[in-house]
């Protein structure tokens, strides 16, 4: 069965696309991208679900994530070093199925920028939290300490666990829909 799943996933276009969004795309959203990508790869779903990240601003375009984000992620087994910051572009609303905002400001910005024909569903990442349900947003650790980056990572890992469940359910529904003869 594993061999069949690997064979089906080879070279196939992703079934779902997810974009993580924060302000500058150097702390929260690349961390969320790295965590979600690692979780999906561990489940053998990396070929079926594309994960990216972007910012609402282009202040850091082309830059690597903040060194503190890279260090916090590395301490838990995630590699963010190859990621580079970019700004959300209009095409993202058509390319991605879900755009997950780190806070309410990002969510509102995405909803304002979305063209009428947008296919992406905009939501808060923390809507998927399991243990931290009382935490509505992922706070920006940029002006904080190393502890703030660890706290950000705690929240992102938790929300990504719930998001993985939701994405698996969505994949199963899509697969079942395709299996129905027409």
Protein backbone atom coordinates (compact mmCIF):
# COMPACT_ATOMS: atom_id res chain seq x y z
CA UNK A 1 0.00 0.00 0.00
CA UNK A 2 2.83 2.43 0.84
CA UNK A 3 4.48 1.69 -2.50
CA UNK A 4 1.21 2.41 -4.31
CA UNK A 5 0.81 5.73 -2.46
CA UNK A 6 4.39 6.70 -3.35
CA UNK A 7 3.82 5.74 -7.00
CA UNK A 8 0.58 7.72 -7.20
CA UNK A 9 2.21 10.75 -5.61
CA UNK A 10 5.24 10.81 -7.93
CA UNK A 11 5.16 13.66 -10.38
CA UNK A 12 1.52 14.39 -9.66
CA UNK A 13 0.43 17.98 -9.19
CA UNK A 14 -0.54 18.82 -5.61
CA UNK A 15 -4.19 18.27 -4.81
CA UNK A 16 -4.29 21.05 -2.22
CA UNK A 17 -2.28 24.23 -1.81
CA UNK A 18 -1.87 26.10 1.50
CA UNK A 19 -0.31 29.54 2.01
CA UNK A 20 0.75 30.78 5.45
CA UNK A 21 0.62 34.58 5.79
CA UNK A 22 2.10 37.08 8.27
CA UNK A 23 3.51 40.61 7.92
CA UNK A 24 7.07 40.34 6.63
CA UNK A 25 7.30 36.59 6.01
CA UNK A 26 10.40 36.18 8.17
CA UNK A 27 9.07 34.83 11.50
CA UNK A 28 5.58 33.38 11.84
CA UNK A 29 4.59 32.36 8.33
CA UNK A 30 7.88 30.66 7.35
CA UNK A 31 7.81 28.83 10.69
CA UNK A 32 4.26 27.66 9.96
CA UNK A 33 5.31 26.64 6.44
CA UNK A 34 8.23 24.60 7.77
CA UNK A 35 6.20 22.92 10.51
CA UNK A 36 3.28 22.03 8.24
CA UNK A 37 5.54 20.80 5.46
CA UNK A 38 7.46 18.54 7.88
CA UNK A 39 4.24 17.12 9.33
CA UNK A 40 2.81 16.41 5.88
CA UNK A 41 6.07 14.83 4.67
CA UNK A 42 6.12 12.56 7.74
CA UNK A 43 2.65 11.33 6.77
CA UNK A 44 3.57 10.84 3.12
CA UNK A 45 1.33 13.72 2.04
CA UNK A 46 4.01 16.17 0.94
CA UNK A 47 3.47 15.43 -2.75
CA UNK A 48 -0.28 15.98 -2.46
CA UNK A 49 -0.30 19.20 -0.44
CA UNK A 50 1.86 22.15 -1.44
CA UNK A 51 2.76 24.57 1.35
CA UNK A 52 4.09 28.09 0.96
CA UNK A 53 4.32 31.32 2.89
CA UNK A 54 4.20 35.02 2.14
CA UNK A 55 3.83 38.38 3.82
CA UNK A 56 1.37 41.23 3.55
CA UNK A 57 4.38 43.57 3.15
CA UNK A 58 7.50 43.33 1.02
CA UNK A 59 9.93 44.77 3.58
CA UNK A 60 12.06 41.60 3.60
CA UNK A 61 11.54 40.23 0.07
CA UNK A 62 14.24 37.72 -0.81
CA UNK A 63 15.56 37.47 2.75
CA UNK A 64 15.90 34.29 4.79
CA UNK A 65 13.75 33.92 7.91
CA UNK A 66 14.85 35.71 11.07
CA UNK A 67 17.85 33.85 12.59
CA UNK A 68 15.90 33.44 15.85
CA UNK A 69 13.05 31.71 13.97
CA UNK A 70 15.55 29.46 12.20
CA UNK A 71 17.23 28.56 15.52
CA UNK A 72 13.96 27.86 17.35
CA UNK A 73 12.71 25.72 14.48
CA UNK A 74 16.03 23.87 14.17
CA UNK A 75 15.92 23.02 17.88
CA UNK A 76 12.71 21.09 17.17
CA UNK A 77 13.84 19.46 13.95
CA UNK A 78 12.50 21.89 11.33
CA UNK A 79 14.70 23.41 8.63
CA UNK A 80 13.71 26.91 7.48
CA UNK A 81 17.08 27.86 6.00
CA UNK A 82 16.07 27.51 2.33
CA UNK A 83 12.94 29.67 2.66
CA UNK A 84 12.91 33.23 1.32
CA UNK A 85 10.47 36.02 2.10
CA UNK A 86 8.01 37.22 -0.50
CA UNK A 87 4.86 39.30 -0.58
CA UNK A 88 1.38 37.93 -1.29
CA UNK A 89 0.50 38.56 -4.96
CA UNK A 90 -2.88 38.61 -6.66
CA UNK A 91 -2.34 35.21 -8.27
CA UNK A 92 -2.03 33.59 -4.84
CA UNK A 93 -5.79 33.96 -4.36
CA UNK A 94 -6.37 31.73 -7.37
CA UNK A 95 -3.44 29.35 -6.89
CA UNK A 96 -3.97 28.43 -3.23
CA UNK A 97 -6.96 26.66 -1.69
CA UNK A 98 -6.36 28.03 1.80
CA UNK A 99 -4.63 31.16 3.04
CA UNK A 100 -3.94 30.97 6.77
CA UNK A 101 -3.38 34.28 8.51
CA UNK A 102 -1.39 34.58 11.70
CA UNK A 103 -3.58 37.36 13.13
CA UNK A 104 -6.75 39.35 12.52
CA UNK A 105 -4.93 42.15 10.72
CA UNK A 106 -3.55 39.69 8.17
CA UNK A 107 -6.94 38.01 7.78
CA UNK A 108 -8.68 41.34 7.14
CA UNK A 109 -5.94 42.40 4.70
CA UNK A 110 -6.30 39.14 2.75
CA UNK A 111 -10.08 39.49 2.61
CA UNK A 112 -9.76 43.09 1.32
CA UNK A 113 -7.19 42.10 -1.32
CA UNK A 114 -9.01 38.98 -2.54
CA UNK A 115 -10.49 39.39 -6.02
CA UNK A 116 -14.17 38.41 -6.43
CA UNK A 117 -13.17 35.21 -8.25
CA UNK A 118 -10.69 34.13 -5.53
CA UNK A 119 -10.72 30.42 -4.84
CA UNK A 120 -8.65 30.60 -1.65
CA UNK A 121 -10.43 30.27 1.67
CA UNK A 122 -9.02 32.83 4.12
CA UNK A 123 -8.92 31.84 7.79
CA UNK A 124 -6.83 32.18 10.92
CA UNK A 125 -4.25 29.46 11.51
CA UNK A 126 -5.21 29.33 15.19
CA UNK A 127 -8.75 28.24 14.23
CA UNK A 128 -7.13 24.79 13.98
CA UNK A 129 -5.54 24.85 17.44
CA UNK A 130 -6.07 21.80 19.63
CA UNK A 131 -4.47 22.66 22.97
CA UNK A 132 -4.34 26.46 22.67
CA UNK A 133 -7.93 27.08 21.67
CA UNK A 134 -8.04 30.17 23.87
CA UNK A 135 -5.24 31.77 21.83
CA UNK A 136 -6.92 33.38 18.77
CA UNK A 137 -3.73 34.54 17.00
CA UNK A 138 -0.02 33.78 16.69
CA UNK A 139 1.68 36.80 18.34
CA UNK A 140 4.58 38.39 16.46
CA UNK A 141 7.85 37.48 18.25
CA UNK A 142 10.02 39.87 16.21
CA UNK A 143 10.54 42.45 18.96
CA UNK A 144 10.61 39.85 21.71
CA UNK A 145 13.05 37.37 23.19
CA UNK A 146 13.97 33.78 22.42
CA UNK A 147 11.08 32.73 24.67
CA UNK A 148 8.68 34.55 22.36
CA UNK A 149 9.98 32.52 19.42
CA UNK A 150 9.54 29.31 21.42
CA UNK A 151 5.98 30.33 22.33
CA UNK A 152 5.25 31.11 18.66
CA UNK A 153 6.51 27.65 17.73
CA UNK A 154 4.33 26.02 20.43
CA UNK A 155 1.25 27.71 18.95
CA UNK A 156 2.18 26.96 15.34
CA UNK A 157 2.87 23.28 16.06
CA UNK A 158 -0.47 22.94 17.83
CA UNK A 159 -2.44 24.65 15.06
CA UNK A 160 -0.64 22.64 12.38
CA UNK A 161 -1.69 19.39 14.09
CA UNK A 162 -5.32 20.42 13.73
CA UNK A 163 -4.75 21.72 10.22
CA UNK A 164 -3.26 18.40 9.15
CA UNK A 165 -6.45 16.67 10.31
CA UNK A 166 -8.58 19.11 8.32
CA UNK A 167 -6.42 18.71 5.21
CA UNK A 168 -6.55 14.90 5.44
CA UNK A 169 -10.34 15.07 5.64
CA UNK A 170 -10.43 17.40 2.65
CA UNK A 171 -8.17 15.08 0.66
CA UNK A 172 -10.35 12.08 1.55
CA UNK A 173 -13.47 13.94 0.43
CA UNK A 174 -11.82 14.92 -2.87
CA UNK A 175 -10.61 11.36 -3.41
CA UNK A 176 -14.09 9.99 -2.74
CA UNK A 177 -15.58 12.52 -5.13
CA UNK A 178 -13.18 11.44 -7.87
CA UNK A 179 -13.89 7.76 -7.25
CA UNK A 180 -17.60 8.16 -7.97
CA UNK A 181 -18.30 7.04 -11.56
CA UNK A 182 -19.93 9.67 -13.75
